[in-house]
Amino acid sequence: MKKFLLLLLTAISSVALGGEPWRLTLQDKANGLRLCLDLYEESIEVPGMEMFGPMNGYMNGKGLYGVWSVTSYDIKNDREALVRMSNDLGSDTQELEVKALTDSTYQVDLVKGVSMKKVVGGKKLQKIDSRYVMEVVN
């Protein structure tokens, strides 16, 4: 009975607090970036890295060199989280501050780590911008 009440209270508080704000997919169409997150459980298959099993998320897109997977995170609150990522080679890391501006718009700031890069002109790597405003994808 105690377990049932605990589960019921957890479900009610989850609904009251707006569900699970850190289970979402964001995109920046202008720069061709996609950020998929589930900071509650490892449930996301990372493209090209399926052999490692589900993870907490990834970032990829035409505006980014490689696929970056979530290695750890720190949920500050329902509106702000710090996400640590590693590239598909495991050689570079990047920290992202993800902040909800509205229910459908998030600001993503690249803070610590080497800068994520994109391919320019077919062969040259160039740092990507350090701030993006991304929309929630349904």
N, C-alpha and C. Protein backbone atom coordinates (compact mmCIF):
# COMPACT_ATOMS: atom_id res chain seq x y z
N MET A 1 0.83 -1.19 0.00
CA MET A 1 0.00 0.00 0.00
C MET A 1 0.87 1.26 0.00
N LYS A 2 1.96 1.24 0.78
CA LYS A 2 2.85 2.40 0.82
C LYS A 2 3.48 2.67 -0.54
N LYS A 3 3.88 1.58 -1.24
CA LYS A 3 4.48 1.73 -2.57
C LYS A 3 3.47 2.34 -3.54
N PHE A 4 2.22 1.89 -3.45
CA PHE A 4 1.18 2.41 -4.32
C PHE A 4 0.98 3.91 -4.09
N LEU A 5 0.92 4.32 -2.83
CA LEU A 5 0.75 5.74 -2.51
C LEU A 5 1.94 6.56 -2.99
N LEU A 6 3.14 6.02 -2.83
CA LEU A 6 4.33 6.72 -3.31
C LEU A 6 4.28 6.89 -4.82
N LEU A 7 3.91 5.85 -5.54
CA LEU A 7 3.79 5.94 -7.00
C LEU A 7 2.71 6.94 -7.41
N LEU A 8 1.60 6.93 -6.71
CA LEU A 8 0.52 7.86 -7.00
C LEU A 8 0.97 9.30 -6.77
N LEU A 9 1.64 9.57 -5.66
CA LEU A 9 2.14 10.92 -5.38
C LEU A 9 3.18 11.35 -6.41
N THR A 10 4.04 10.45 -6.83
CA THR A 10 5.03 10.77 -7.85
C THR A 10 4.36 11.13 -9.16
N ALA A 11 3.35 10.36 -9.55
CA ALA A 11 2.62 10.64 -10.79
C ALA A 11 1.92 11.98 -10.73
N ILE A 12 1.28 12.27 -9.61
CA ILE A 12 0.56 13.54 -9.44
C ILE A 12 1.54 14.71 -9.48
N SER A 13 2.66 14.60 -8.79
CA SER A 13 3.63 15.70 -8.78
C SER A 13 4.25 15.89 -10.15
N SER A 14 4.43 14.82 -10.91
CA SER A 14 4.97 14.93 -12.26
C SER A 14 4.01 15.72 -13.15
N VAL A 15 2.73 15.44 -13.04
CA VAL A 15 1.73 16.17 -13.83
C VAL A 15 1.65 17.61 -13.36
N ALA A 16 1.69 17.83 -12.06
CA ALA A 16 1.59 19.18 -11.52
C ALA A 16 2.79 20.03 -11.92
N LEU A 17 3.95 19.43 -12.04
CA LEU A 17 5.16 20.17 -12.41
C LEU A 17 5.37 20.25 -13.92
N GLY A 18 4.42 19.81 -14.70
CA GLY A 18 4.54 19.94 -16.13
C GLY A 18 5.14 18.72 -16.81
N GLY A 19 5.10 17.59 -16.17
CA GLY A 19 5.59 16.37 -16.82
C GLY A 19 7.09 16.23 -16.74
N GLU A 20 7.67 15.93 -17.87
CA GLU A 20 9.11 15.68 -17.93
C GLU A 20 9.75 16.64 -18.91
N PRO A 21 10.13 17.83 -18.46
CA PRO A 21 10.65 18.85 -19.37
C PRO A 21 11.97 18.48 -20.04
N TRP A 22 12.68 17.50 -19.53
CA TRP A 22 13.98 17.14 -20.11
C TRP A 22 13.91 15.86 -20.94
N ARG A 23 12.75 15.58 -21.48
CA ARG A 23 12.57 14.51 -22.47
C ARG A 23 12.00 15.21 -23.71
N LEU A 24 12.89 15.61 -24.64
CA LEU A 24 12.45 16.41 -25.77
C LEU A 24 13.45 16.35 -26.92
N THR A 25 13.00 16.80 -28.08
CA THR A 25 13.86 16.94 -29.24
C THR A 25 13.80 18.39 -29.69
N LEU A 26 14.97 18.99 -29.89
CA LEU A 26 15.08 20.38 -30.31
C LEU A 26 15.75 20.45 -31.67
N GLN A 27 15.40 21.46 -32.44
CA GLN A 27 16.09 21.64 -33.72
C GLN A 27 16.29 23.11 -34.02
N ASP A 28 17.36 23.37 -34.75
CA ASP A 28 17.64 24.69 -35.29
C ASP A 28 17.69 24.50 -36.80
N LYS A 29 16.58 24.78 -37.47
CA LYS A 29 16.48 24.54 -38.91
C LYS A 29 17.50 25.37 -39.68
N ALA A 30 17.73 26.60 -39.27
CA ALA A 30 18.64 27.48 -40.00
C ALA A 30 20.06 26.93 -40.04
N ASN A 31 20.51 26.29 -38.96
CA ASN A 31 21.87 25.76 -38.90
C ASN A 31 21.92 24.25 -39.07
N GLY A 32 20.77 23.61 -39.22
CA GLY A 32 20.72 22.18 -39.45
C GLY A 32 21.15 21.34 -38.27
N LEU A 33 20.82 21.79 -37.05
CA LEU A 33 21.20 21.06 -35.84
C LEU A 33 19.98 20.41 -35.19
N ARG A 34 20.21 19.27 -34.57
CA ARG A 34 19.16 18.54 -33.85
C ARG A 34 19.75 18.06 -32.52
N LEU A 35 19.03 18.29 -31.44
CA LEU A 35 19.43 17.88 -30.09
C LEU A 35 18.30 17.05 -29.51
N CYS A 36 18.55 15.76 -29.27
CA CYS A 36 17.57 14.85 -28.68
C CYS A 36 18.00 14.54 -27.26
N LEU A 37 17.11 14.73 -26.30
CA LEU A 37 17.44 14.51 -24.89
C LEU A 37 16.39 13.68 -24.18
N ASP A 38 16.85 12.81 -23.30
CA ASP A 38 16.03 12.16 -22.29
C ASP A 38 16.92 12.08 -21.06
N LEU A 39 16.80 13.08 -20.20
CA LEU A 39 17.66 13.15 -19.02
C LEU A 39 17.07 12.40 -17.83
N TYR A 40 16.10 11.53 -18.09
CA TYR A 40 15.50 10.71 -17.05
C TYR A 40 15.93 9.25 -17.15
N GLU A 41 16.15 8.78 -18.38
CA GLU A 41 16.58 7.40 -18.57
C GLU A 41 17.29 7.28 -19.91
N GLU A 42 18.09 6.26 -20.03
CA GLU A 42 18.79 6.00 -21.29
C GLU A 42 17.82 5.30 -22.24
N SER A 43 17.18 6.09 -23.10
CA SER A 43 16.13 5.56 -23.97
C SER A 43 16.32 5.92 -25.44
N ILE A 44 17.37 6.64 -25.77
CA ILE A 44 17.55 7.15 -27.13
C ILE A 44 18.67 6.41 -27.85
N GLU A 45 18.34 5.88 -29.03
CA GLU A 45 19.35 5.26 -29.89
C GLU A 45 20.09 6.36 -30.64
N VAL A 46 21.40 6.40 -30.50
CA VAL A 46 22.21 7.42 -31.16
C VAL A 46 22.58 6.91 -32.56
N PRO A 47 22.26 7.69 -33.60
CA PRO A 47 22.55 7.24 -34.97
C PRO A 47 24.04 6.91 -35.16
N GLY A 48 24.29 5.72 -35.68
CA GLY A 48 25.66 5.27 -35.92
C GLY A 48 26.33 4.70 -34.69
N MET A 49 25.67 4.74 -33.54
CA MET A 49 26.26 4.24 -32.29
C MET A 49 25.31 3.27 -31.59
N GLU A 50 24.47 2.61 -32.39
CA GLU A 50 23.47 1.69 -31.84
C GLU A 50 24.10 0.55 -31.05
N MET A 51 25.35 0.19 -31.40
CA MET A 51 26.02 -0.93 -30.73
C MET A 51 26.26 -0.65 -29.24
N PHE A 52 26.20 0.62 -28.83
CA PHE A 52 26.40 0.97 -27.42
C PHE A 52 25.10 0.95 -26.63
N GLY A 53 23.99 0.73 -27.31
CA GLY A 53 22.69 0.70 -26.64
C GLY A 53 22.14 2.10 -26.44
N PRO A 54 20.97 2.18 -25.82
CA PRO A 54 20.33 3.47 -25.61
C PRO A 54 21.16 4.38 -24.71
N MET A 55 21.08 5.68 -24.99
CA MET A 55 21.79 6.70 -24.21
C MET A 55 20.82 7.80 -23.81
N ASN A 56 21.32 8.82 -23.14
CA ASN A 56 20.48 9.94 -22.71
C ASN A 56 20.27 10.98 -23.81
N GLY A 57 20.92 10.80 -24.95
CA GLY A 57 20.67 11.73 -26.03
C GLY A 57 21.87 11.97 -26.91
N TYR A 58 21.67 12.86 -27.89
CA TYR A 58 22.73 13.18 -28.84
C TYR A 58 22.43 14.50 -29.54
N MET A 59 23.46 15.00 -30.22
CA MET A 59 23.33 16.18 -31.07
C MET A 59 24.00 15.86 -32.39
N ASN A 60 23.32 16.18 -33.50
CA ASN A 60 23.90 15.97 -34.82
C ASN A 60 23.25 16.92 -35.80
N GLY A 61 23.60 16.77 -37.07
CA GLY A 61 22.98 17.58 -38.11
C GLY A 61 23.97 18.00 -39.17
N LYS A 62 23.45 18.59 -40.23
CA LYS A 62 24.30 19.01 -41.33
C LYS A 62 25.23 20.15 -40.91
N GLY A 63 24.88 20.84 -39.85
CA GLY A 63 25.71 21.93 -39.37
C GLY A 63 26.72 21.51 -38.31
N LEU A 64 26.98 20.20 -38.20
CA LEU A 64 27.87 19.71 -37.15
C LEU A 64 28.70 18.54 -37.66
N TYR A 65 29.97 18.52 -37.32
CA TYR A 65 30.86 17.43 -37.71
C TYR A 65 30.70 16.28 -36.73
N GLY A 66 30.18 15.16 -37.19
CA GLY A 66 30.02 13.97 -36.35
C GLY A 66 28.75 13.99 -35.53
N VAL A 67 28.64 12.99 -34.68
CA VAL A 67 27.51 12.86 -33.76
C VAL A 67 28.07 12.98 -32.35
N TRP A 68 27.45 13.81 -31.54
CA TRP A 68 27.88 14.02 -30.16
C TRP A 68 26.86 13.38 -29.24
N SER A 69 27.30 12.50 -28.33
CA SER A 69 26.37 11.81 -27.44
C SER A 69 26.49 12.35 -26.01
N VAL A 70 25.38 12.29 -25.29
CA VAL A 70 25.34 12.75 -23.90
C VAL A 70 26.12 11.76 -23.04
N THR A 71 27.08 12.27 -22.28
CA THR A 71 27.85 11.41 -21.38
C THR A 71 27.45 11.62 -19.93
N SER A 72 26.99 12.82 -19.59
CA SER A 72 26.48 13.09 -18.24
C SER A 72 25.66 14.38 -18.30
N TYR A 73 24.97 14.65 -17.22
CA TYR A 73 24.12 15.84 -17.18
C TYR A 73 23.84 16.23 -15.74
N ASP A 74 23.38 17.46 -15.58
CA ASP A 74 22.99 17.98 -14.28
C ASP A 74 21.74 18.81 -14.49
N ILE A 75 20.61 18.30 -14.03
CA ILE A 75 19.36 19.05 -14.14
C ILE A 75 19.33 20.07 -13.01
N LYS A 76 19.37 21.34 -13.36
CA LYS A 76 19.32 22.41 -12.35
C LYS A 76 17.90 22.60 -11.84
N ASN A 77 16.95 22.63 -12.78
CA ASN A 77 15.53 22.76 -12.46
C ASN A 77 14.74 22.44 -13.73
N ASP A 78 13.44 22.72 -13.74
CA ASP A 78 12.61 22.40 -14.91
C ASP A 78 12.93 23.27 -16.12
N ARG A 79 13.70 24.33 -15.94
CA ARG A 79 13.98 25.27 -17.03
C ARG A 79 15.44 25.31 -17.45
N GLU A 80 16.33 24.64 -16.71
CA GLU A 80 17.76 24.75 -17.00
C GLU A 80 18.49 23.45 -16.66
N ALA A 81 19.37 23.03 -17.60
CA ALA A 81 20.18 21.83 -17.39
C ALA A 81 21.56 22.04 -18.02
N LEU A 82 22.54 21.35 -17.47
CA LEU A 82 23.89 21.33 -18.02
C LEU A 82 24.11 19.93 -18.58
N VAL A 83 24.47 19.85 -19.86
CA VAL A 83 24.62 18.57 -20.54
C VAL A 83 26.06 18.45 -21.04
N ARG A 84 26.71 17.33 -20.68
CA ARG A 84 28.08 17.08 -21.16
C ARG A 84 28.01 16.07 -22.29
N MET A 85 28.74 16.37 -23.38
CA MET A 85 28.69 15.52 -24.56
C MET A 85 30.10 15.15 -25.01
N SER A 86 30.18 14.05 -25.75
CA SER A 86 31.44 13.59 -26.33
C SER A 86 31.20 13.29 -27.80
N ASN A 87 32.22 13.56 -28.63
CA ASN A 87 32.02 13.27 -30.05
C ASN A 87 32.06 11.78 -30.30
N ASP A 88 31.72 11.38 -31.53
CA ASP A 88 31.62 9.96 -31.86
C ASP A 88 32.95 9.22 -31.79
N LEU A 89 34.06 9.94 -31.80
CA LEU A 89 35.38 9.32 -31.65
C LEU A 89 35.79 9.22 -30.18
N GLY A 90 35.10 9.95 -29.31
CA GLY A 90 35.44 9.96 -27.89
C GLY A 90 36.63 10.84 -27.57
N SER A 91 37.09 11.61 -28.54
CA SER A 91 38.31 12.41 -28.34
C SER A 91 38.04 13.84 -27.88
N ASP A 92 36.83 14.34 -28.08
CA ASP A 92 36.49 15.71 -27.71
C ASP A 92 35.24 15.73 -26.85
N THR A 93 35.18 16.71 -25.95
CA THR A 93 34.01 16.88 -25.10
C THR A 93 33.52 18.32 -25.19
N GLN A 94 32.27 18.51 -24.83
CA GLN A 94 31.65 19.83 -24.86
C GLN A 94 30.56 19.88 -23.80
N GLU A 95 30.44 21.00 -23.11
CA GLU A 95 29.34 21.19 -22.18
C GLU A 95 28.35 22.17 -22.80
N LEU A 96 27.07 21.85 -22.65
CA LEU A 96 26.00 22.70 -23.15
C LEU A 96 25.14 23.15 -21.97
N GLU A 97 24.83 24.42 -21.93
CA GLU A 97 23.81 24.92 -21.01
C GLU A 97 22.53 25.01 -21.83
N VAL A 98 21.51 24.31 -21.39
CA VAL A 98 20.24 24.30 -22.09
C VAL A 98 19.21 24.97 -21.20
N LYS A 99 18.59 26.05 -21.72
CA LYS A 99 17.63 26.83 -20.93
C LYS A 99 16.34 26.99 -21.70
N ALA A 100 15.23 26.74 -21.04
CA ALA A 100 13.91 26.95 -21.65
C ALA A 100 13.61 28.44 -21.62
N LEU A 101 13.35 29.01 -22.80
CA LEU A 101 12.93 30.41 -22.90
C LEU A 101 11.41 30.49 -22.83
N THR A 102 10.76 29.54 -23.53
CA THR A 102 9.31 29.37 -23.49
C THR A 102 9.08 27.86 -23.48
N ASP A 103 7.84 27.43 -23.56
CA ASP A 103 7.56 25.99 -23.59
C ASP A 103 8.03 25.34 -24.88
N SER A 104 8.23 26.14 -25.94
CA SER A 104 8.62 25.56 -27.23
C SER A 104 9.95 26.08 -27.76
N THR A 105 10.62 26.95 -27.02
CA THR A 105 11.89 27.53 -27.47
C THR A 105 12.94 27.41 -26.37
N TYR A 106 14.13 26.94 -26.76
CA TYR A 106 15.22 26.75 -25.82
C TYR A 106 16.47 27.45 -26.34
N GLN A 107 17.27 27.94 -25.42
CA GLN A 107 18.57 28.51 -25.76
C GLN A 107 19.63 27.49 -25.38
N VAL A 108 20.53 27.20 -26.31
CA VAL A 108 21.61 26.25 -26.08
C VAL A 108 22.92 27.01 -26.21
N ASP A 109 23.71 27.03 -25.12
CA ASP A 109 25.01 27.69 -25.11
C ASP A 109 26.10 26.65 -24.96
N LEU A 110 27.08 26.68 -25.85
CA LEU A 110 28.25 25.81 -25.74
C LEU A 110 29.21 26.52 -24.79
N VAL A 111 29.55 25.87 -23.68
CA VAL A 111 30.38 26.51 -22.68
C VAL A 111 31.76 25.87 -22.59
N LYS A 112 31.95 24.90 -21.78
CA LYS A 112 33.27 24.29 -21.58
C LYS A 112 33.59 23.24 -22.62
N GLY A 113 34.86 23.06 -22.86
CA GLY A 113 35.31 21.99 -23.75
C GLY A 113 35.87 22.54 -25.04
N VAL A 114 36.25 21.64 -25.92
CA VAL A 114 36.68 22.06 -27.24
C VAL A 114 35.42 22.49 -27.97
N SER A 115 35.54 23.32 -28.93
CA SER A 115 34.35 23.75 -29.65
C SER A 115 33.92 22.71 -30.67
N MET A 116 32.62 22.50 -30.74
CA MET A 116 32.08 21.65 -31.77
C MET A 116 32.38 22.31 -33.11
N LYS A 117 32.53 21.49 -34.15
CA LYS A 117 32.92 22.03 -35.44
C LYS A 117 31.99 21.56 -36.54
N LYS A 118 32.06 22.26 -37.67
CA LYS A 118 31.33 21.88 -38.87
C LYS A 118 32.32 21.84 -40.03
N VAL A 119 31.96 21.11 -41.06
CA VAL A 119 32.80 21.02 -42.26
C VAL A 119 32.40 22.17 -43.19
N VAL A 120 33.41 22.92 -43.64
CA VAL A 120 33.18 24.03 -44.56
C VAL A 120 33.97 23.76 -45.84
N GLY A 121 33.31 23.88 -46.96
CA GLY A 121 33.97 23.68 -48.24
C GLY A 121 34.42 22.26 -48.49
N GLY A 122 33.82 21.30 -47.81
CA GLY A 122 34.14 19.90 -48.05
C GLY A 122 35.36 19.38 -47.34
N LYS A 123 36.21 20.25 -46.78
CA LYS A 123 37.42 19.73 -46.13
C LYS A 123 37.89 20.49 -44.90
N LYS A 124 37.53 21.74 -44.73
CA LYS A 124 38.02 22.53 -43.61
C LYS A 124 37.04 22.47 -42.44
N LEU A 125 37.56 22.29 -41.22
CA LEU A 125 36.72 22.31 -40.02
C LEU A 125 36.73 23.72 -39.44
N GLN A 126 35.54 24.18 -39.05
CA GLN A 126 35.39 25.51 -38.49
C GLN A 126 34.51 25.41 -37.25
N LYS A 127 34.84 26.16 -36.19
CA LYS A 127 34.03 26.15 -34.97
C LYS A 127 32.61 26.60 -35.29
N ILE A 128 31.63 25.95 -34.65
CA ILE A 128 30.25 26.39 -34.81
C ILE A 128 30.00 27.50 -33.79
N ASP A 129 28.89 28.21 -33.96
CA ASP A 129 28.54 29.28 -33.04
C ASP A 129 28.40 28.74 -31.62
N SER A 130 28.53 29.61 -30.65
CA SER A 130 28.46 29.15 -29.26
C SER A 130 27.06 29.29 -28.68
N ARG A 131 26.11 29.87 -29.42
CA ARG A 131 24.73 30.01 -28.91
C ARG A 131 23.73 29.73 -30.03
N TYR A 132 22.69 28.97 -29.68
CA TYR A 132 21.62 28.65 -30.62
C TYR A 132 20.28 28.78 -29.92
N VAL A 133 19.28 29.23 -30.65
CA VAL A 133 17.91 29.18 -30.17
C VAL A 133 17.25 28.07 -30.97
N MET A 134 16.73 27.08 -30.23
CA MET A 134 16.19 25.89 -30.87
C MET A 134 14.71 25.71 -30.52
N GLU A 135 13.98 25.14 -31.46
CA GLU A 135 12.54 24.91 -31.30
C GLU A 135 12.28 23.46 -30.94
N VAL A 136 11.26 23.22 -30.14
CA VAL A 136 10.84 21.87 -29.79
C VAL A 136 10.20 21.22 -31.01
N VAL A 137 10.59 19.97 -31.28
CA VAL A 137 10.02 19.19 -32.38
C VAL A 137 9.01 18.23 -31.76
N ASN A 138 7.82 18.19 -32.30
CA ASN A 138 6.79 17.28 -31.77
C ASN A 138 6.85 15.94 -32.42
